[in-house]
Amino acid sequence: MRRIALALGLALALTAAPAAAAAAPPPPAAGEAVAVPADLTGREVSFPGSGGLTLHGTVLSPAKVPSGRPGMVLVHGAGTGTPRTKLMGEAVEFARRGVSVLVYDKRSEGYSTFHRSYSALADDALGAVAALRSQPGVDPAKVGVWGLSEGGWVAPLAASRSRDVAFVVVVGANALAPLRQQTWAVAAGLRKVGVAGSLVERAEPNLYRVIADGGMFPEPWYDPEPTLAAVRQPVLAIWGVHDLLTPPEETPPIFARALEKGGNRHYTFRFFPGADHAAHLTPDGGVTRLPALAPGYADLVGSWVREVGAGRPPLASTSGPAPEQATPTVPVDRPAPWESAPVQSAVMLLLIVAFAAYPVTALVRRLRKRSRTVLPAAPRVLSAAGLVAVLGSFAFLFYLLMTGGKLAAPGPVLLGRPVVWLALQILALTTMAAFVRTVRAWRRAGTRTERARLGLLLAGGAVFLPWSLYWGLLLP
């Protein structure tokens, strides 16, 4: 029963999602060669990852740089089976700065909505490091890892496990627990388009707590600080000023504190103006990502890697404009027993049954021609408004999750609320008003059967009040 309501909401969201745009060309199949610019050389490689899974990638190298060059493995952000082409733009630019770059297809086996392991992903990265260290022209003592977003948890973990990793570069990395970061990211995207109130302050964080408790958000409370404290290699950390997915103001001090705790002062922090989470240019404060990298980003990576490879790792420094973070993150604690996923599933099923039973029994009686009595209006309104409010709220919240609420796509906003959420709040108020009037109808009911039907409906209304307060439907 733990995932029943969650699965129901997911199905509703799937039916509510808009039709996808024209499909993009399919990425290369695993192991298939990718196109390489004429000024670079490409070499296809395969290597074992965690659990013996064979992974495939491409090594891009500068055509005219002599042997003994540094190497860097690129680690993807979140997503299952992400093809290497997703990071080919970064790989090409880094290779043009004199670095041999291994970019590989991310695993899909053992990685899904319900399960992932940063430990396994770190072992995949170490398998790639071993493969790159053995490539012709690469100095095995100068091979490091680069991680984007989720890779910002994975790359330091790989480095903490192996001295074969010479350095760490992270982009859009986060030093907070994944659930706290994701909750903030979705709220930040919603606030970016003017959403305020209970949707971002109550409903959205509560939803993430429930789905994490229900097993739909893997590694939700992973603590990256101990791993960062165990990293002894030089670290280059890069953030876009307009990062909407990682809190760019809160994360760097935590990074620095953890590295310093482990005695590592060879870290360089750099903020890029006009850049988003991936250090790509953005025209609208982080909502839209352009293909182009932030000016100077690839140059910084190339020069920093060369300095580290030459045995001159820079000491602790921070530069660039101050990042923009409109609101702080808030702790996302584990849910209390009464608000856990099983309890929320049970409550949702109870509400559906209570609100749906009244019209269903009326239909059955009518089909059997047992009654032609005109039903009072209040119970019918309570049943309809309550049922739509319950199903609609979960459908809308899951729609935000599935369609990228973090990219600010909640639909039209009115009075600080998405129009859909505002309509659901109106339905919640209507439900409670109808509940009061249904109490009167129950008292006047002429038969035990009718009193029982109305009693079940009123039980749903009584549960709906605390439920709707918890989810913010009855809050401003």
Protein backbone atom coordinates (compact mmCIF):
# COMPACT_ATOMS: atom_id res chain seq x y z
CA MET A 1 0.00 0.00 0.00
CA ARG A 2 3.07 2.18 0.43
CA ARG A 3 3.08 3.38 -3.19
CA ILE A 4 -0.60 3.15 -4.16
CA ALA A 5 -1.46 6.84 -3.94
CA LEU A 6 1.90 7.79 -5.37
CA ALA A 7 1.40 5.52 -8.35
CA LEU A 8 -2.13 6.85 -8.81
CA GLY A 9 -0.88 10.42 -8.84
CA LEU A 10 1.84 9.47 -11.28
CA ALA A 11 -0.69 7.91 -13.64
CA LEU A 12 -2.90 10.98 -13.45
CA ALA A 13 0.05 13.21 -14.17
CA LEU A 14 0.95 11.13 -17.18
CA THR A 15 -2.52 11.59 -18.63
CA ALA A 16 -2.43 15.32 -17.86
CA ALA A 17 0.97 16.01 -19.38
CA PRO A 18 0.89 17.86 -22.70
CA ALA A 19 1.86 16.16 -25.91
CA ALA A 20 5.60 16.08 -26.44
CA ALA A 21 7.21 18.19 -29.09
CA ALA A 22 8.59 16.60 -32.22
CA ALA A 23 11.03 13.89 -31.26
CA ALA A 24 14.72 14.64 -31.50
CA PRO A 25 16.97 12.30 -33.47
CA PRO A 26 17.81 9.22 -31.40
CA PRO A 27 21.22 9.23 -29.67
CA PRO A 28 23.87 6.77 -30.78
CA ALA A 29 23.38 3.25 -29.50
CA ALA A 30 25.67 1.98 -26.74
CA GLY A 31 29.13 1.46 -28.16
CA GLU A 32 28.36 3.28 -31.41
CA ALA A 33 30.96 5.81 -32.57
CA VAL A 34 30.14 9.50 -32.39
CA ALA A 35 31.17 12.31 -34.69
CA VAL A 36 34.42 14.04 -33.75
CA PRO A 37 35.53 17.50 -35.00
CA ALA A 38 38.34 17.49 -37.53
CA ASP A 39 40.79 19.23 -35.17
CA LEU A 40 40.46 16.43 -32.60
CA THR A 41 41.01 12.70 -32.58
CA GLY A 42 38.46 10.22 -31.27
CA ARG A 43 38.89 6.74 -29.90
CA GLU A 44 36.04 4.43 -28.86
CA VAL A 45 36.57 2.58 -25.59
CA SER A 46 34.74 0.08 -23.40
CA PHE A 47 35.44 -0.57 -19.73
CA PRO A 48 33.90 -2.36 -16.74
CA GLY A 49 31.83 -0.34 -14.31
CA SER A 50 30.31 -1.28 -10.98
CA GLY A 51 29.08 -4.86 -10.84
CA GLY A 52 30.96 -5.75 -14.02
CA LEU A 53 28.59 -3.78 -16.26
CA THR A 54 30.31 -2.86 -19.53
CA LEU A 55 30.17 0.85 -20.31
CA HIS A 56 31.05 2.56 -23.59
CA GLY A 57 32.61 5.92 -24.27
CA THR A 58 34.71 8.11 -26.50
CA VAL A 59 38.12 9.58 -25.78
CA LEU A 60 38.61 12.96 -27.42
CA SER A 61 42.17 14.23 -27.67
CA PRO A 62 43.87 17.24 -29.25
CA ALA A 63 45.45 16.17 -32.52
CA LYS A 64 48.72 18.08 -32.14
CA VAL A 65 49.43 18.02 -28.40
CA PRO A 66 52.40 15.79 -27.48
CA SER A 67 52.24 12.82 -25.15
CA GLY A 68 52.21 13.26 -21.39
CA ARG A 69 49.00 15.28 -21.53
CA PRO A 70 46.43 15.34 -18.72
CA GLY A 71 43.15 13.47 -18.94
CA MET A 72 39.69 14.03 -17.54
CA VAL A 73 36.63 11.78 -17.18
CA LEU A 74 33.24 13.48 -17.50
CA VAL A 75 30.53 12.29 -15.09
CA HIS A 76 26.91 12.99 -16.03
CA GLY A 77 24.21 14.68 -14.01
CA ALA A 78 20.95 12.96 -13.04
CA GLY A 79 19.13 10.81 -15.57
CA THR A 80 19.11 7.18 -16.55
CA GLY A 81 21.09 6.02 -19.57
CA THR A 82 22.19 9.55 -20.49
CA PRO A 83 24.14 9.30 -23.77
CA ARG A 84 27.67 10.66 -24.05
CA THR A 85 26.45 13.12 -26.68
CA LYS A 86 24.78 15.09 -23.87
CA LEU A 87 28.24 16.26 -22.74
CA MET A 88 29.95 16.30 -26.11
CA GLY A 89 29.99 20.11 -26.19
CA GLU A 90 31.99 20.24 -22.96
CA ALA A 91 34.20 17.34 -24.06
CA VAL A 92 35.12 19.08 -27.33
CA GLU A 93 35.94 22.39 -25.64
CA PHE A 94 38.08 20.77 -22.95
CA ALA A 95 39.94 18.65 -25.52
CA ARG A 96 40.71 21.79 -27.50
CA ARG A 97 42.46 23.10 -24.36
CA GLY A 98 44.98 20.24 -24.42
CA VAL A 99 43.17 17.62 -22.30
CA SER A 100 42.26 14.07 -23.32
CA VAL A 101 38.60 13.69 -22.33
CA LEU A 102 36.68 10.47 -21.80
CA VAL A 103 32.89 10.90 -22.02
CA TYR A 104 30.77 7.77 -21.66
CA ASP A 105 27.16 6.62 -21.80
CA LYS A 106 25.66 6.60 -18.33
CA ARG A 107 24.31 3.33 -17.01
CA SER A 108 20.61 2.53 -17.19
CA GLU A 109 20.92 -0.82 -15.42
CA GLY A 110 20.57 -0.35 -11.66
CA TYR A 111 19.58 3.31 -12.04
CA SER A 112 15.95 4.40 -12.07
CA THR A 113 13.32 6.53 -10.38
CA PHE A 114 13.20 4.04 -7.52
CA HIS A 115 16.84 3.04 -7.22
CA ARG A 116 20.27 4.52 -7.67
CA SER A 117 23.57 4.30 -5.90
CA TYR A 118 26.13 7.07 -5.82
CA SER A 119 28.59 4.39 -4.76
CA ALA A 120 27.97 2.40 -7.95
CA LEU A 121 28.20 5.55 -10.07
CA ALA A 122 31.51 6.39 -8.40
CA ASP A 123 32.82 2.93 -9.27
CA ASP A 124 31.70 3.50 -12.87
CA ALA A 125 33.73 6.71 -12.89
CA LEU A 126 36.77 4.90 -11.51
CA GLY A 127 36.43 2.32 -14.29
CA ALA A 128 36.53 5.21 -16.76
CA VAL A 129 39.59 6.67 -15.00
CA ALA A 130 41.42 3.35 -15.36
CA ALA A 131 40.51 3.23 -19.07
CA LEU A 132 41.71 6.79 -19.69
CA ARG A 133 44.96 6.25 -17.78
CA SER A 134 45.84 3.48 -20.24
CA GLN A 135 45.26 5.58 -23.39
CA PRO A 136 48.24 6.46 -25.62
CA GLY A 137 49.64 9.92 -24.93
CA VAL A 138 47.91 10.33 -21.57
CA ASP A 139 50.01 10.73 -18.44
CA PRO A 140 48.35 8.32 -15.96
CA ALA A 141 49.43 10.54 -13.07
CA LYS A 142 47.43 13.48 -14.47
CA VAL A 143 43.95 11.98 -14.89
CA GLY A 144 41.08 13.51 -12.95
CA VAL A 145 37.29 13.55 -12.85
CA TRP A 146 34.74 16.22 -13.78
CA GLY A 147 31.18 16.03 -12.44
CA LEU A 148 28.05 17.99 -13.32
CA SER A 149 25.14 18.37 -10.90
CA GLU A 150 24.56 14.82 -9.57
CA GLY A 151 28.10 14.18 -10.76
CA GLY A 152 29.11 16.72 -8.13
CA TRP A 153 28.27 14.08 -5.53
CA VAL A 154 29.74 11.22 -7.56
CA ALA A 155 33.09 12.71 -8.63
CA PRO A 156 34.28 13.55 -5.07
CA LEU A 157 33.20 10.10 -3.92
CA ALA A 158 35.31 8.50 -6.66
CA ALA A 159 38.28 10.72 -5.75
CA SER A 160 37.97 9.85 -2.06
CA ARG A 161 38.32 6.17 -2.96
CA SER A 162 41.33 6.22 -5.24
CA ARG A 163 44.65 8.01 -5.52
CA ASP A 164 44.51 7.26 -9.24
CA VAL A 165 42.31 10.36 -9.44
CA ALA A 166 44.65 13.36 -9.72
CA PHE A 167 42.09 16.17 -9.39
CA VAL A 168 38.38 16.96 -9.17
CA VAL A 169 36.35 19.48 -11.19
CA VAL A 170 32.68 19.98 -10.29
CA VAL A 171 30.06 22.17 -11.96
CA GLY A 172 26.75 23.06 -10.31
CA ALA A 173 27.69 20.79 -7.41
CA ASN A 174 25.70 20.67 -4.22
CA ALA A 175 26.89 20.14 -0.64
CA LEU A 176 23.41 19.63 0.80
CA ALA A 177 21.30 16.50 1.00
CA PRO A 178 19.72 15.69 -2.40
CA LEU A 179 16.15 15.97 -1.12
CA ARG A 180 16.80 19.40 0.39
CA GLN A 181 18.45 20.57 -2.82
CA GLN A 182 15.68 19.28 -5.09
CA THR A 183 12.92 20.74 -2.95
CA TRP A 184 14.63 24.13 -3.08
CA ALA A 185 15.25 23.84 -6.83
CA VAL A 186 11.62 23.22 -7.75
CA ALA A 187 10.47 25.99 -5.41
CA ALA A 188 13.05 28.37 -6.87
CA GLY A 189 11.82 27.73 -10.39
CA LEU A 190 8.23 28.32 -9.33
CA ARG A 191 9.08 31.52 -7.51
CA LYS A 192 10.94 32.67 -10.60
CA VAL A 193 7.62 32.97 -12.44
CA GLY A 194 5.77 34.61 -9.57
CA VAL A 195 4.36 31.64 -7.64
CA ALA A 196 4.09 32.18 -3.88
CA GLY A 197 2.15 30.92 -0.91
CA SER A 198 1.11 27.43 0.09
CA LEU A 199 2.12 25.66 -3.13
CA VAL A 200 5.83 26.38 -2.63
CA GLU A 201 5.81 26.68 1.15
CA ARG A 202 3.69 23.67 2.06
CA ALA A 203 2.54 21.40 -0.77
CA GLU A 204 5.80 21.07 -2.71
CA PRO A 205 8.12 20.22 0.24
CA ASN A 206 5.54 17.86 1.75
CA LEU A 207 5.20 16.04 -1.56
CA TYR A 208 8.96 15.48 -1.75
CA ARG A 209 9.03 14.16 1.80
CA VAL A 210 6.26 11.70 0.99
CA ILE A 211 7.76 10.45 -2.27
CA ALA A 212 11.14 10.04 -0.55
CA ASP A 213 9.51 8.06 2.23
CA GLY A 214 7.71 6.01 -0.42
CA GLY A 215 10.96 5.06 -2.14
CA MET A 216 10.47 7.26 -5.21
CA PHE A 217 13.45 9.52 -4.47
CA PRO A 218 16.63 7.44 -4.07
CA GLU A 219 19.47 8.62 -1.79
CA PRO A 220 17.30 11.46 -0.41
CA TRP A 221 19.30 12.14 2.75
CA TYR A 222 22.80 11.45 1.45
CA ASP A 223 25.31 13.63 3.32
CA PRO A 224 28.13 14.79 1.02
CA GLU A 225 30.20 16.56 3.69
CA PRO A 226 32.11 13.48 5.01
CA THR A 227 33.04 12.57 1.44
CA LEU A 228 34.27 16.10 0.68
CA ALA A 229 36.33 16.02 3.87
CA ALA A 230 38.01 12.85 2.59
CA VAL A 231 39.04 14.40 -0.74
CA ARG A 232 42.77 15.17 -0.74
CA GLN A 233 43.10 16.05 -4.44
CA PRO A 234 42.94 19.64 -5.76
CA VAL A 235 39.37 20.76 -6.42
CA LEU A 236 38.00 23.25 -8.96
CA ALA A 237 34.35 24.11 -8.27
CA ILE A 238 32.31 26.18 -10.73
CA TRP A 239 28.85 27.69 -10.34
CA GLY A 240 26.73 29.81 -12.61
CA VAL A 241 25.48 32.99 -10.95
CA HIS A 242 21.92 32.09 -12.05
CA ASP A 243 21.89 28.50 -10.81
CA LEU A 244 18.28 27.48 -10.09
CA LEU A 245 19.03 23.83 -9.36
CA THR A 246 21.78 24.11 -6.75
CA PRO A 247 21.67 26.85 -4.09
CA PRO A 248 24.74 28.77 -5.31
CA GLU A 249 25.09 30.96 -2.23
CA GLU A 250 24.81 28.25 0.43
CA THR A 251 26.82 25.48 -1.23
CA PRO A 252 30.34 27.00 -1.58
CA PRO A 253 30.85 27.72 2.16
CA ILE A 254 29.86 24.14 2.99
CA PHE A 255 32.25 22.86 0.32
CA ALA A 256 35.06 24.96 1.74
CA ARG A 257 34.32 23.96 5.33
CA ALA A 258 34.35 20.24 4.47
CA LEU A 259 37.57 20.46 2.44
CA GLU A 260 39.31 22.49 5.13
CA LYS A 261 38.16 20.01 7.75
CA GLY A 262 40.05 17.33 5.85
CA GLY A 263 43.12 19.56 5.57
CA ASN A 264 42.66 20.27 1.86
CA ARG A 265 43.35 23.91 0.97
CA HIS A 266 43.97 23.30 -2.72
CA TYR A 267 40.58 24.41 -3.94
CA THR A 268 39.46 27.05 -6.43
CA PHE A 269 35.90 28.38 -6.51
CA ARG A 270 34.70 30.39 -9.50
CA PHE A 271 31.34 32.02 -10.28
CA PHE A 272 30.41 32.84 -13.89
CA PRO A 273 28.07 35.72 -14.75
CA GLY A 274 25.14 35.10 -17.08
CA ALA A 275 25.49 31.34 -16.54
CA ASP A 276 23.09 28.66 -15.35
CA HIS A 277 23.43 25.42 -13.40
CA ALA A 278 25.69 23.80 -16.04
CA ALA A 279 27.78 26.96 -16.60
CA HIS A 280 26.02 27.48 -19.93
CA LEU A 281 24.80 30.92 -20.91
CA THR A 282 21.22 31.72 -19.97
CA PRO A 283 19.15 34.67 -21.28
CA ASP A 284 16.52 34.63 -18.53
CA GLY A 285 18.16 34.08 -15.16
CA GLY A 286 18.65 30.33 -15.31
CA VAL A 287 15.33 29.17 -16.76
CA THR A 288 16.57 28.60 -20.33
CA ARG A 289 19.92 26.94 -21.11
CA LEU A 290 21.71 27.98 -24.29
CA PRO A 291 24.17 25.63 -26.04
CA ALA A 292 27.15 27.97 -25.50
CA LEU A 293 29.38 27.61 -22.44
CA ALA A 294 29.97 30.69 -20.29
CA PRO A 295 32.89 32.73 -21.70
CA GLY A 296 36.12 31.74 -19.99
CA TYR A 297 34.73 28.53 -18.47
CA ALA A 298 36.57 26.08 -20.75
CA ASP A 299 39.73 28.22 -20.62
CA LEU A 300 39.68 28.11 -16.83
CA VAL A 301 39.32 24.33 -16.77
CA GLY A 302 42.15 23.88 -19.26
CA SER A 303 44.60 26.22 -17.50
CA TRP A 304 43.73 24.92 -14.02
CA VAL A 305 44.20 21.29 -15.09
CA ARG A 306 47.58 22.13 -16.63
CA GLU A 307 48.70 23.88 -13.43
CA VAL A 308 47.68 20.90 -11.32
CA GLY A 309 49.37 18.51 -13.75
CA ALA A 310 52.55 20.55 -13.48
CA GLY A 311 52.53 20.15 -9.71
CA ARG A 312 51.32 23.69 -8.97
CA PRO A 313 47.80 23.26 -7.51
CA PRO A 314 46.42 26.71 -6.57
CA LEU A 315 45.68 27.46 -2.93
CA ALA A 316 42.20 28.30 -1.66
CA SER A 317 40.61 31.13 -3.64
CA THR A 318 37.17 32.38 -4.67
CA SER A 319 36.45 34.73 -7.56
CA GLY A 320 33.65 35.97 -9.76
CA PRO A 321 30.43 37.89 -9.12
CA ALA A 322 28.21 37.04 -6.17
CA PRO A 323 25.67 34.33 -6.98
CA GLU A 324 21.94 35.05 -6.93
CA GLN A 325 19.88 33.00 -4.51
CA ALA A 326 16.52 34.60 -3.78
CA THR A 327 15.53 32.31 -0.91
CA PRO A 328 17.43 30.02 1.46
CA THR A 329 16.98 26.28 1.51
CA VAL A 330 15.04 24.77 4.39
CA PRO A 331 15.62 21.42 6.09
CA VAL A 332 13.50 18.58 4.73
CA ASP A 333 13.19 16.22 7.67
CA ARG A 334 12.05 12.66 7.57
CA PRO A 335 8.26 12.51 7.90
CA ALA A 336 6.64 11.69 11.22
CA PRO A 337 4.73 8.39 11.31
CA TRP A 338 1.38 10.12 10.81
CA GLU A 339 2.57 11.84 7.62
CA SER A 340 4.48 8.91 6.13
CA ALA A 341 3.83 7.51 2.66
CA PRO A 342 1.71 4.57 3.94
CA VAL A 343 -0.48 6.88 5.99
CA GLN A 344 -0.84 9.36 3.13
CA SER A 345 -1.74 6.50 0.80
CA ALA A 346 -4.37 5.23 3.22
CA VAL A 347 -5.85 8.70 3.72
CA MET A 348 -6.03 9.33 0.00
CA LEU A 349 -7.81 6.02 -0.60
CA LEU A 350 -10.21 6.75 2.24
CA LEU A 351 -11.06 10.15 0.73
CA ILE A 352 -11.59 8.69 -2.72
CA VAL A 353 -13.88 5.97 -1.38
CA ALA A 354 -15.80 8.36 0.88
CA PHE A 355 -16.39 10.94 -1.83
CA ALA A 356 -17.04 8.50 -4.67
CA ALA A 357 -19.37 6.17 -2.78
CA TYR A 358 -22.21 8.67 -2.58
CA PRO A 359 -22.78 9.18 -6.33
CA VAL A 360 -21.96 5.54 -7.11
CA THR A 361 -24.63 4.24 -4.71
CA ALA A 362 -27.11 6.80 -6.06
CA LEU A 363 -26.43 5.56 -9.60
CA VAL A 364 -26.87 1.94 -8.56
CA ARG A 365 -30.19 2.72 -6.87
CA ARG A 366 -31.38 4.60 -9.92
CA LEU A 367 -30.40 1.75 -12.26
CA ARG A 368 -32.30 -0.66 -10.04
CA LYS A 369 -35.25 1.76 -10.04
CA ARG A 370 -35.39 1.73 -6.29
CA SER A 371 -35.53 5.47 -5.83
CA ARG A 372 -36.55 8.55 -7.76
CA THR A 373 -35.92 10.89 -4.85
CA VAL A 374 -34.17 14.11 -5.80
CA LEU A 375 -30.88 14.22 -3.92
CA PRO A 376 -30.08 17.34 -1.89
CA ALA A 377 -27.53 19.65 -3.48
CA ALA A 378 -25.00 19.89 -0.62
CA PRO A 379 -23.99 16.20 -0.54
CA ARG A 380 -23.60 16.16 -4.31
CA VAL A 381 -21.37 19.24 -4.18
CA LEU A 382 -19.36 17.79 -1.29
CA SER A 383 -18.83 14.54 -3.19
CA ALA A 384 -17.87 16.16 -6.50
CA ALA A 385 -15.74 19.02 -5.17
CA GLY A 386 -13.92 16.82 -2.66
CA LEU A 387 -13.13 14.11 -5.19
CA VAL A 388 -11.85 16.56 -7.79
CA ALA A 389 -9.80 18.45 -5.16
CA VAL A 390 -8.10 15.26 -3.95
CA LEU A 391 -7.33 13.77 -7.36
CA GLY A 392 -6.61 17.11 -8.99
CA SER A 393 -4.10 18.26 -6.38
CA PHE A 394 -1.99 15.12 -6.70
CA ALA A 395 -2.25 15.17 -10.48
CA PHE A 396 -1.06 18.77 -10.57
CA LEU A 397 1.81 18.23 -8.12
CA PHE A 398 3.05 15.20 -10.01
CA TYR A 399 2.65 17.13 -13.24
CA LEU A 400 5.06 19.73 -11.85
CA LEU A 401 7.54 17.02 -10.93
CA MET A 402 7.33 15.25 -14.29
CA THR A 403 7.35 18.28 -16.54
CA GLY A 404 10.10 20.12 -14.73
CA GLY A 405 8.63 22.46 -12.11
CA LYS A 406 12.25 23.45 -11.52
CA LEU A 407 12.20 24.99 -14.99
CA ALA A 408 9.21 27.15 -14.07
CA ALA A 409 6.39 25.63 -16.13
CA PRO A 410 3.34 25.68 -13.82
CA GLY A 411 1.04 27.28 -16.37
CA PRO A 412 -0.64 30.71 -16.09
CA VAL A 413 -0.21 32.40 -12.70
CA LEU A 414 -2.93 34.51 -11.08
CA LEU A 415 -2.74 36.15 -7.63
CA GLY A 416 0.58 34.44 -6.97
CA ARG A 417 -0.84 30.99 -7.72
CA PRO A 418 -0.93 28.81 -10.83
CA VAL A 419 -4.48 28.97 -12.15
CA VAL A 420 -4.89 25.21 -11.65
CA TRP A 421 -3.79 25.43 -8.01
CA LEU A 422 -6.09 28.42 -7.43
CA ALA A 423 -9.00 26.42 -8.84
CA LEU A 424 -8.14 23.51 -6.54
CA GLN A 425 -8.07 25.85 -3.55
CA ILE A 426 -11.51 27.16 -4.50
CA LEU A 427 -12.73 23.58 -4.73
CA ALA A 428 -11.31 22.88 -1.27
CA LEU A 429 -13.21 25.85 0.17
CA THR A 430 -16.35 24.69 -1.63
CA THR A 431 -15.86 21.22 -0.16
CA MET A 432 -15.79 22.55 3.38
CA ALA A 433 -18.82 24.80 2.82
CA ALA A 434 -20.74 21.82 1.41
CA PHE A 435 -19.59 19.72 4.36
CA VAL A 436 -21.33 22.08 6.81
CA ARG A 437 -24.58 21.97 4.84
CA THR A 438 -24.37 18.19 4.47
CA VAL A 439 -24.38 17.87 8.26
CA ARG A 440 -27.86 19.39 8.16
CA ALA A 441 -28.92 16.97 5.43
CA TRP A 442 -27.67 14.04 7.52
CA ARG A 443 -29.73 15.16 10.50
CA ARG A 444 -32.86 15.32 8.33
CA ALA A 445 -32.28 12.01 6.55
CA GLY A 446 -35.43 9.89 6.70
CA THR A 447 -33.90 6.39 6.45
CA ARG A 448 -30.98 4.51 8.00
CA THR A 449 -29.61 3.80 4.55
CA GLU A 450 -29.54 7.45 3.64
CA ARG A 451 -27.98 8.36 6.98
CA ALA A 452 -25.28 5.74 6.41
CA ARG A 453 -24.52 7.09 2.92
CA LEU A 454 -24.32 10.63 4.22
CA GLY A 455 -22.30 9.49 7.24
CA LEU A 456 -19.61 8.00 5.01
CA LEU A 457 -19.55 11.20 2.96
CA LEU A 458 -19.24 13.30 6.13
CA ALA A 459 -16.40 11.08 7.34
CA GLY A 460 -14.57 11.96 4.15
CA GLY A 461 -15.26 15.65 4.71
CA ALA A 462 -13.98 15.43 8.30
CA VAL A 463 -10.72 13.83 7.13
CA PHE A 464 -10.47 16.26 4.23
CA LEU A 465 -10.09 19.26 6.57
CA PRO A 466 -6.73 18.28 8.19
CA TRP A 467 -5.58 16.68 4.93
CA SER A 468 -6.17 19.85 2.92
CA LEU A 469 -4.48 21.96 5.61
CA TYR A 470 -1.44 19.67 5.49
CA TRP A 471 -1.19 20.03 1.70
CA GLY A 472 -1.87 23.77 1.73
CA LEU A 473 -5.16 23.73 -0.15
CA LEU A 474 -6.85 25.72 2.61
CA LEU A 475 -3.91 28.00 3.27
CA PRO A 476 -3.14 31.29 1.47
